[in-house]
Structure formats: structure tokens, C-alpha cells
């Protein structure tokens, strides 16, 4: 089955996300922090009731709607990965979608189960939100799409050498 690698990417990213979140919440208290790499990153246990990177933390109605839409989108992306692979489509599109779907599923699962998401990675070199493995997946998948798909689209728009000479 040609789609199995993408389903495995999804499953592995989701499992990694949940294991890291469990390890942090089982071994630390909320607000506890320790430096992992000096001046680069700390592990800080945060309960995030907002969206990715703590956006909309004080908007519970918005977050309820966001959770439902996020769940529907994750299911839709998975269905697309499973059913829509066609000849000529690029492997990185499906890898990016699998990672994005896993990130969305990991955070949505936490919100529905606990009412918050466990975040733990705190950059020390810049003021930025504390984030988790799922957030990294969302960002990585989006970056993959930008880095690979947009140039691919540009190449499709360029005329072939044979066509331009006729």
C-alpha cells in the first residue's frame, strides 16, 4: 500500500507528541522549568488553554469552535491522504499533510480530553511562546509545503523549451 508511509508518519508524530506531553506532565509541576541547552531552549511545563503558541487563550467560545473545526480538518486531511493519492502527486505533499494532521490531532485530542494542551519547549534566545511537538509538526508541515510545493507550482507554469521555440 503506497499510502502506508504517510499513515505511519502521522501515527509516529502523534505518538511522539503524546509521549513527550505525558513525560512532562508526569514528571514536572505546572510552571516548573529546567534548561535543556543553555541560552537555547528550556523545558517548561505550561498548560495552554489557547491555540497553537498560546493564541486566543482568553477566548473559550472561540476555542470550542476551533476544536470542532480542528477535529473535522484533521479527519479530512487523513481521509485525503488515505484516499486521494494519484499518479504524479509528490510524496512531500502527503508527508507534509500527515505531519500537519498529526500536530492538529495531538493538540485537539488534548483539548477535548483535558481542556488544555501541554506545552514544554521554551526558546531562551528569543521571546516566544512555549510550544510542543504538535506545534513543531504544524510549523514543519507548513514550511515543507512552502519550500517544496510553491517552487513546484512555479515550475509547472514555466513553458517547456520546445513550446517556447515553436
Protein backbone atom coordinates (compact mmCIF):
# COMPACT_ATOMS: atom_id res chain seq x y z
CA UNK A 1 0.00 0.00 0.00
CA UNK A 2 1.59 3.22 -1.17
CA UNK A 3 -0.17 5.34 1.47
CA UNK A 4 1.17 3.36 4.41
CA UNK A 5 4.30 5.52 4.86
CA UNK A 6 2.13 8.63 5.28
CA UNK A 7 -0.15 6.91 7.76
CA UNK A 8 2.98 5.81 9.66
CA UNK A 9 4.35 9.39 9.62
CA UNK A 10 1.04 10.58 11.07
CA UNK A 11 0.97 7.86 13.73
CA UNK A 12 4.62 8.26 14.75
CA UNK A 13 4.37 12.05 15.04
CA UNK A 14 1.16 11.76 17.08
CA UNK A 15 2.67 9.11 19.39
CA UNK A 16 5.85 11.15 19.87
CA UNK A 17 3.75 14.20 20.74
CA UNK A 18 1.68 12.30 23.29
CA UNK A 19 4.72 10.58 24.88
CA UNK A 20 6.57 13.89 25.35
CA UNK A 21 3.46 15.56 26.80
CA UNK A 22 2.88 12.62 29.16
CA UNK A 23 6.52 12.61 30.29
CA UNK A 24 6.46 16.32 31.06
CA UNK A 25 3.12 16.27 32.90
CA UNK A 26 4.04 13.12 34.86
CA UNK A 27 7.45 14.36 35.99
CA UNK A 28 7.02 18.12 36.46
CA UNK A 29 4.62 20.54 38.12
CA UNK A 30 2.97 23.35 36.16
CA UNK A 31 5.40 26.25 35.85
CA UNK A 32 8.48 24.14 36.59
CA UNK A 33 11.37 24.68 34.21
CA UNK A 34 14.88 23.44 33.56
CA UNK A 35 17.43 24.41 30.93
CA UNK A 36 17.95 21.77 28.28
CA UNK A 37 20.52 23.66 26.19
CA UNK A 38 21.90 26.83 27.83
CA UNK A 39 20.78 30.05 26.10
CA UNK A 40 18.87 28.00 23.52
CA UNK A 41 15.94 26.03 24.96
CA UNK A 42 14.35 25.12 28.27
CA UNK A 43 11.71 22.58 29.17
CA UNK A 44 8.91 24.49 30.90
CA UNK A 45 5.61 22.82 31.84
CA UNK A 46 2.73 25.02 30.68
CA UNK A 47 -0.98 24.25 30.35
CA UNK A 48 -2.15 26.11 27.28
CA UNK A 49 -5.89 26.80 27.00
CA UNK A 50 -5.39 28.79 23.79
CA UNK A 51 -4.49 27.75 20.27
CA UNK A 52 -1.01 26.98 18.96
CA UNK A 53 1.65 29.18 20.52
CA UNK A 54 -0.90 30.33 23.19
CA UNK A 55 -3.02 32.36 20.77
CA UNK A 56 -6.62 33.14 21.87
CA UNK A 57 -6.00 31.95 25.43
CA UNK A 58 -8.80 34.13 26.84
CA UNK A 59 -11.48 33.15 24.28
CA UNK A 60 -13.20 29.91 25.43
CA UNK A 61 -16.11 30.09 22.95
CA UNK A 62 -13.72 30.63 20.06
CA UNK A 63 -11.60 27.72 21.27
CA UNK A 64 -14.62 25.38 21.44
CA UNK A 65 -15.45 26.19 17.80
CA UNK A 66 -11.74 25.96 16.92
CA UNK A 67 -11.57 22.45 18.48
CA UNK A 68 -14.51 21.17 16.46
CA UNK A 69 -13.18 22.66 13.22
CA UNK A 70 -9.70 21.33 14.00
CA UNK A 71 -11.06 17.83 14.51
CA UNK A 72 -13.01 17.95 11.25
CA UNK A 73 -9.96 19.24 9.38
CA UNK A 74 -7.68 16.52 10.80
CA UNK A 75 -10.17 13.84 9.77
CA UNK A 76 -10.48 15.43 6.33
CA UNK A 77 -6.71 15.57 5.82
CA UNK A 78 -6.35 11.94 6.89
CA UNK A 79 -9.13 10.90 4.54
CA UNK A 80 -7.40 12.79 1.72
CA UNK A 81 -4.08 11.09 2.47
CA UNK A 82 -5.70 7.66 2.56
CA UNK A 83 -7.93 8.04 -0.50
CA UNK A 84 -6.57 10.69 -2.85
CA UNK A 85 -3.00 9.70 -3.76
CA UNK A 86 -2.89 9.88 -7.51
CA UNK A 87 -0.19 9.16 -10.03
CA UNK A 88 2.19 12.08 -10.32
CA UNK A 89 1.46 13.64 -6.94
CA UNK A 90 4.54 14.41 -4.91
CA UNK A 91 5.49 12.42 -1.82
CA UNK A 92 6.31 15.59 0.16
CA UNK A 93 2.74 16.88 -0.15
CA UNK A 94 1.47 13.80 1.66
CA UNK A 95 4.33 13.81 4.18
CA UNK A 96 3.61 17.48 4.98
CA UNK A 97 -0.12 16.83 5.28
CA UNK A 98 0.49 13.82 7.54
CA UNK A 99 2.69 15.87 9.89
CA UNK A 100 0.21 18.77 9.92
CA UNK A 101 -2.68 16.40 10.61
CA UNK A 102 -0.74 14.70 13.44
CA UNK A 103 0.07 18.05 15.02
CA UNK A 104 -3.54 19.17 14.79
CA UNK A 105 -4.80 15.84 16.08
CA UNK A 106 -2.38 15.83 19.02
CA UNK A 107 -3.43 19.27 20.25
CA UNK A 108 -7.13 18.69 19.51
CA UNK A 109 -7.04 15.36 21.36
CA UNK A 110 -5.54 17.09 24.43
CA UNK A 111 -8.09 19.92 24.38
CA UNK A 112 -11.03 17.54 24.12
CA UNK A 113 -9.63 15.20 26.79
CA UNK A 114 -8.20 17.73 29.27
CA UNK A 115 -9.43 21.18 28.28
CA UNK A 116 -5.83 22.33 27.67
CA UNK A 117 -2.68 21.40 25.79
CA UNK A 118 0.62 20.60 27.47
CA UNK A 119 3.41 22.81 26.11
CA UNK A 120 7.05 22.43 27.08
CA UNK A 121 9.62 23.87 24.67
CA UNK A 122 10.62 27.39 25.67
CA UNK A 123 13.13 29.18 23.45
CA UNK A 124 15.66 31.12 25.52
CA UNK A 125 17.28 33.11 22.71
CA UNK A 126 14.09 34.97 21.75
CA UNK A 127 10.82 35.94 23.48
CA UNK A 128 8.36 33.45 22.05
CA UNK A 129 5.52 31.24 23.22
CA UNK A 130 6.17 27.87 24.83
CA UNK A 131 5.24 25.15 22.34
CA UNK A 132 5.12 21.35 21.91
CA UNK A 133 5.85 18.56 19.41
CA UNK A 134 2.43 19.02 17.76
CA UNK A 135 3.15 22.73 17.17
CA UNK A 136 6.51 21.78 15.64
CA UNK A 137 4.62 19.41 13.31
CA UNK A 138 2.19 22.12 12.24
CA UNK A 139 5.06 24.50 11.54
CA UNK A 140 7.28 21.90 9.87
CA UNK A 141 4.46 20.68 7.63
CA UNK A 142 3.56 24.22 6.59
CA UNK A 143 7.24 25.00 5.91
CA UNK A 144 7.54 21.86 3.79
CA UNK A 145 4.58 22.96 1.73
CA UNK A 146 6.04 26.42 1.19
CA UNK A 147 9.56 25.19 0.44
CA UNK A 148 8.59 22.37 -1.90
CA UNK A 149 5.13 22.99 -3.31
CA UNK A 150 5.33 26.66 -4.27
CA UNK A 151 8.54 26.17 -6.34
CA UNK A 152 6.88 23.12 -7.88
CA UNK A 153 3.89 25.27 -8.87
CA UNK A 154 6.24 27.82 -10.45
CA UNK A 155 7.93 25.09 -12.48
CA UNK A 156 4.55 23.94 -13.81
CA UNK A 157 3.78 27.49 -15.00
CA UNK A 158 7.02 27.84 -16.99
CA UNK A 159 6.66 26.94 -20.67
CA UNK A 160 8.66 24.00 -21.93
CA UNK A 161 11.71 24.80 -24.07
CA UNK A 162 10.11 23.01 -27.03
CA UNK A 163 6.91 25.08 -26.73
CA UNK A 164 8.75 28.40 -26.43
CA UNK A 165 10.82 27.76 -29.58
CA UNK A 166 7.88 26.97 -31.84
